[in-house]
Amino acid sequence: MSKELTETDRDAIRRVIIAQIEAFQSDDGIQAFLYAAPSIRQQFKSVGNFMRMVRSSYHAIYRPRSVLFGELREMQGFPAQVVFLMAQDGAIVKAVYLMQQQSSKDWRIAGCFLAPIDEI
C-alpha cells in the first residue's frame, strides 16, 4: 500500500464492508451500490445490474449466516481485506475485498473476489 493505514482507516474499511453486507441482507440495493467504488458503479451502470450479479455470483456475501474479518494486506496496489463468510448452507467462503480511498477520504469497495480457504 502506498501509505500505511491507520487504525481509523482499518475500522472505516470494516464498517463499509459490514454496511454493504447489511444493505444486501435488507435488499437495499441502492445503499449497497453506494458502497461500491465509482469504477464498479460505472461497470454495472445500474443498481439492478449490480444486485443481479451479487445474487447470482456472490450468494455467501448476499446472505451470510456469519462474518469474520481476517487480515488486511496489499493486493494489486489496493488494501485488501480478507473476510470469511459462512453461507446459508454452512460452507465457509473467503472473500477478498479490494478497497479504494476516495478523494473525500471515504473508503469504497473497488472489487471483491471469492477464493478457496487454502489460497491467498
Protein backbone atom coordinates (compact mmCIF):
# COMPACT_ATOMS: atom_id res chain seq x y z
CA MET A 1 0.00 0.00 0.00
CA SER A 2 1.35 3.37 -0.87
CA LYS A 3 0.70 4.66 2.65
CA GLU A 4 0.47 2.87 5.95
CA LEU A 5 -3.14 2.53 7.02
CA THR A 6 -4.16 3.99 10.35
CA GLU A 7 -6.41 2.17 12.78
CA THR A 8 -9.11 4.68 11.76
CA ASP A 9 -8.70 3.58 8.12
CA ARG A 10 -8.86 -0.08 9.12
CA ASP A 11 -12.04 0.50 11.13
CA ALA A 12 -13.59 2.51 8.29
CA ILE A 13 -12.83 -0.30 5.82
CA ARG A 14 -14.54 -2.85 8.06
CA ARG A 15 -17.53 -0.56 8.58
CA VAL A 16 -18.04 -0.13 4.82
CA ILE A 17 -17.92 -3.89 4.22
CA ILE A 18 -20.32 -4.60 7.09
CA ALA A 19 -22.66 -1.83 5.94
CA GLN A 20 -22.76 -3.23 2.40
CA ILE A 21 -23.47 -6.76 3.67
CA GLU A 22 -26.26 -5.35 5.88
CA ALA A 23 -27.69 -3.49 2.87
CA PHE A 24 -27.68 -6.77 0.90
CA GLN A 25 -29.43 -8.56 3.76
CA SER A 26 -32.20 -5.98 3.81
CA ASP A 27 -32.43 -5.89 -0.02
CA ASP A 28 -31.40 -2.23 -0.05
CA GLY A 29 -29.71 -2.32 -3.45
CA ILE A 30 -29.34 1.45 -3.66
CA GLN A 31 -27.37 1.62 -0.42
CA ALA A 32 -25.28 -1.45 -1.29
CA PHE A 33 -24.44 0.10 -4.68
CA LEU A 34 -23.31 3.33 -2.99
CA TYR A 35 -20.60 1.42 -1.07
CA ALA A 36 -19.06 0.35 -4.38
CA ALA A 37 -16.25 2.48 -5.83
CA PRO A 38 -17.14 4.69 -8.80
CA SER A 39 -15.38 2.29 -11.19
CA ILE A 40 -17.65 -0.58 -10.05
CA ARG A 41 -20.77 1.58 -10.30
CA GLN A 42 -19.72 2.59 -13.82
CA GLN A 43 -19.07 -1.04 -14.78
CA PHE A 44 -22.56 -2.20 -13.72
CA LYS A 45 -24.37 1.02 -14.72
CA SER A 46 -27.43 0.35 -12.54
CA VAL A 47 -28.45 -0.92 -9.12
CA GLY A 48 -30.44 -3.69 -10.81
CA ASN A 49 -27.45 -4.99 -12.77
CA PHE A 50 -25.27 -4.87 -9.66
CA MET A 51 -27.80 -6.70 -7.49
CA ARG A 52 -28.37 -9.40 -10.13
CA MET A 53 -24.64 -10.06 -10.23
CA VAL A 54 -24.36 -10.24 -6.44
CA ARG A 55 -27.39 -12.55 -6.08
CA SER A 56 -26.15 -14.91 -8.80
CA SER A 57 -22.40 -14.99 -8.13
CA TYR A 58 -21.87 -13.89 -4.52
CA HIS A 59 -24.64 -15.60 -2.57
CA ALA A 60 -22.46 -16.05 0.53
CA ILE A 61 -21.98 -12.26 0.62
CA TYR A 62 -25.60 -11.55 -0.22
CA ARG A 63 -26.98 -13.70 2.61
CA PRO A 64 -24.23 -14.79 5.03
CA ARG A 65 -25.01 -16.63 8.25
CA SER A 66 -21.90 -15.16 9.85
CA VAL A 67 -18.97 -12.90 9.02
CA LEU A 68 -15.42 -12.92 10.42
CA PHE A 69 -12.73 -10.43 9.43
CA GLY A 70 -9.26 -11.74 8.62
CA GLU A 71 -6.11 -9.82 7.82
CA LEU A 72 -5.78 -6.63 5.84
CA ARG A 73 -3.00 -6.85 3.26
CA GLU A 74 -1.99 -5.29 -0.03
CA MET A 75 -3.08 -6.72 -3.36
CA GLN A 76 -2.76 -5.10 -6.78
CA GLY A 77 -1.80 -1.85 -5.05
CA PHE A 78 -5.02 -1.78 -3.04
CA PRO A 79 -5.67 -2.51 0.61
CA ALA A 80 -7.27 -5.97 0.54
CA GLN A 81 -9.48 -7.00 3.45
CA VAL A 82 -9.92 -10.76 3.88
CA VAL A 83 -13.38 -11.73 5.14
CA PHE A 84 -14.57 -15.24 5.98
CA LEU A 85 -18.28 -15.81 5.49
CA MET A 86 -20.49 -18.74 6.35
CA ALA A 87 -23.01 -19.30 3.57
CA GLN A 88 -26.58 -20.35 4.33
CA ASP A 89 -25.64 -23.97 3.55
CA GLY A 90 -22.81 -23.87 6.12
CA ALA A 91 -19.99 -23.62 3.58
CA ILE A 92 -17.13 -21.31 4.56
CA VAL A 93 -16.09 -18.84 1.87
CA LYS A 94 -13.14 -16.46 1.79
CA ALA A 95 -13.88 -13.09 0.21
CA VAL A 96 -11.13 -10.60 -0.56
CA TYR A 97 -12.36 -7.01 -0.75
CA LEU A 98 -10.18 -4.56 -2.67
CA MET A 99 -10.67 -1.17 -1.07
CA GLN A 100 -10.12 2.29 -2.51
CA GLN A 101 -10.00 5.59 -0.64
CA GLN A 102 -11.90 8.34 -2.41
CA SER A 103 -10.84 11.99 -2.63
CA SER A 104 -13.42 12.62 0.12
CA LYS A 105 -11.33 10.21 2.29
CA ASP A 106 -14.27 7.78 2.42
CA TRP A 107 -13.50 4.14 1.63
CA ARG A 108 -15.34 2.25 -1.11
CA ILE A 109 -15.24 -1.32 -2.35
CA ALA A 110 -13.27 -1.45 -5.62
CA GLY A 111 -13.71 -5.17 -6.15
CA CYS A 112 -14.39 -8.42 -4.39
CA PHE A 113 -13.48 -11.94 -5.27
CA LEU A 114 -14.05 -15.30 -3.66
CA ALA A 115 -11.17 -17.68 -3.08
CA PRO A 116 -10.77 -21.17 -1.68
CA ILE A 117 -9.88 -21.12 2.02
CA ASP A 118 -6.43 -22.62 1.38
CA GLU A 119 -5.38 -19.94 -1.13
CA ILE A 120 -4.23 -16.32 -0.82
